[in-house]
């Protein structure tokens, strides 16, 4: 995928630009995500040490669950089995 790196860079660029503008406007307007949301982060990583991710997401979501997983920053590479154990049931919850 020769354009994958370009796409990843564009996603990061948007996050620091137009996405941030839109996010701030939504927060100011009191808008929240209303879709079921799962937030996962590495329990040994900087995010877990410096922030309270679930509490942060609860401020902008009406239906959010999540937890720290036993890994650092790269969850899919460091704890793939645990990740799949959490994500697959979450993604299949409406298919029952």
Protein backbone atom coordinates (compact mmCIF):
# COMPACT_ATOMS: atom_id res chain seq x y z
CA UNK A 1 0.00 0.00 0.00
CA UNK A 2 2.21 2.83 -1.23
CA UNK A 3 -0.17 5.58 -0.06
CA UNK A 4 -0.66 4.18 3.44
CA UNK A 5 2.04 6.38 5.01
CA UNK A 6 0.53 9.41 3.28
CA UNK A 7 -2.93 8.54 4.62
CA UNK A 8 -1.60 8.09 8.15
CA UNK A 9 0.16 11.46 7.99
CA UNK A 10 -3.01 13.13 6.70
CA UNK A 11 -4.99 11.65 9.61
CA UNK A 12 -2.50 13.09 12.11
CA UNK A 13 -2.54 16.43 10.28
CA UNK A 14 -6.32 16.60 10.44
CA UNK A 15 -6.31 15.69 14.15
CA UNK A 16 -4.12 18.72 14.89
CA UNK A 17 -6.11 21.00 12.59
CA UNK A 18 -9.69 20.77 11.39
CA UNK A 19 -10.62 17.86 13.67
CA UNK A 20 -9.53 19.85 16.71
CA UNK A 21 -11.59 22.84 15.56
CA UNK A 22 -14.66 20.63 15.09
CA UNK A 23 -14.12 18.87 18.42
CA UNK A 24 -13.88 22.17 20.29
CA UNK A 25 -17.04 23.44 18.62
CA UNK A 26 -18.94 20.25 19.54
CA UNK A 27 -17.76 20.43 23.16
CA UNK A 28 -18.73 24.11 23.39
CA UNK A 29 -22.19 23.27 22.00
CA UNK A 30 -22.61 20.41 24.48
CA UNK A 31 -22.71 17.78 21.74
CA UNK A 32 -21.75 14.24 22.75
CA UNK A 33 -21.11 11.01 20.88
CA UNK A 34 -24.20 8.83 21.25
CA UNK A 35 -22.86 5.64 19.69
CA UNK A 36 -21.50 2.84 21.89
CA UNK A 37 -17.80 3.55 22.33
CA UNK A 38 -14.96 1.40 23.62
CA UNK A 39 -11.73 3.02 24.78
CA UNK A 40 -8.63 0.87 25.35
CA UNK A 41 -5.13 1.98 26.28
CA UNK A 42 -1.90 0.47 27.48
CA UNK A 43 -1.70 0.16 31.26
CA UNK A 44 2.09 0.45 31.13
CA UNK A 45 2.12 3.44 28.82
CA UNK A 46 2.29 7.21 29.14
CA UNK A 47 -1.46 7.64 28.60
CA UNK A 48 -2.24 5.55 31.69
CA UNK A 49 0.42 7.30 33.75
CA UNK A 50 -0.57 10.85 32.82
CA UNK A 51 -4.31 10.76 32.15
CA UNK A 52 -7.59 9.13 33.16
CA UNK A 53 -8.73 8.03 29.70
CA UNK A 54 -12.11 6.57 30.61
CA UNK A 55 -13.07 9.65 32.61
CA UNK A 56 -11.99 11.87 29.72
CA UNK A 57 -14.13 9.94 27.23
CA UNK A 58 -17.11 9.90 29.62
CA UNK A 59 -17.17 13.68 29.30
CA UNK A 60 -17.86 13.48 25.56
CA UNK A 61 -19.71 10.15 25.16
CA UNK A 62 -23.08 9.01 26.44
CA UNK A 63 -22.25 5.28 26.23
CA UNK A 64 -18.59 4.46 26.82
CA UNK A 65 -16.72 1.55 28.34
CA UNK A 66 -13.02 0.91 28.51
CA UNK A 67 -9.98 -0.15 30.45
CA UNK A 68 -6.22 -0.34 30.47
CA UNK A 69 -4.74 -3.43 28.86
CA UNK A 70 -1.51 -5.18 29.95
CA UNK A 71 0.82 -3.50 27.48
CA UNK A 72 2.52 -0.26 26.53
CA UNK A 73 1.43 2.03 23.67
CA UNK A 74 1.12 -0.41 20.74
CA UNK A 75 -1.81 -2.54 21.89
CA UNK A 76 -2.31 -4.52 18.67
CA UNK A 77 1.33 -5.53 18.55
CA UNK A 78 1.92 -6.03 22.27
CA UNK A 79 -1.34 -7.65 23.42
CA UNK A 80 -3.24 -8.87 20.34
CA UNK A 81 -5.06 -11.73 22.08
CA UNK A 82 -6.31 -9.51 24.89
CA UNK A 83 -7.33 -6.85 22.39
CA UNK A 84 -9.35 -9.32 20.33
CA UNK A 85 -10.98 -10.75 23.47
CA UNK A 86 -12.27 -7.25 24.29
CA UNK A 87 -13.05 -5.86 20.84
CA UNK A 88 -14.81 -8.77 19.09
CA UNK A 89 -17.70 -9.06 21.58
CA UNK A 90 -18.05 -5.27 21.61
CA UNK A 91 -18.29 -5.14 17.81
CA UNK A 92 -20.73 -8.06 17.71
CA UNK A 93 -23.05 -6.82 20.45
CA UNK A 94 -25.83 -5.76 18.05
CA UNK A 95 -25.67 -9.00 16.06
CA UNK A 96 -27.19 -11.17 18.81
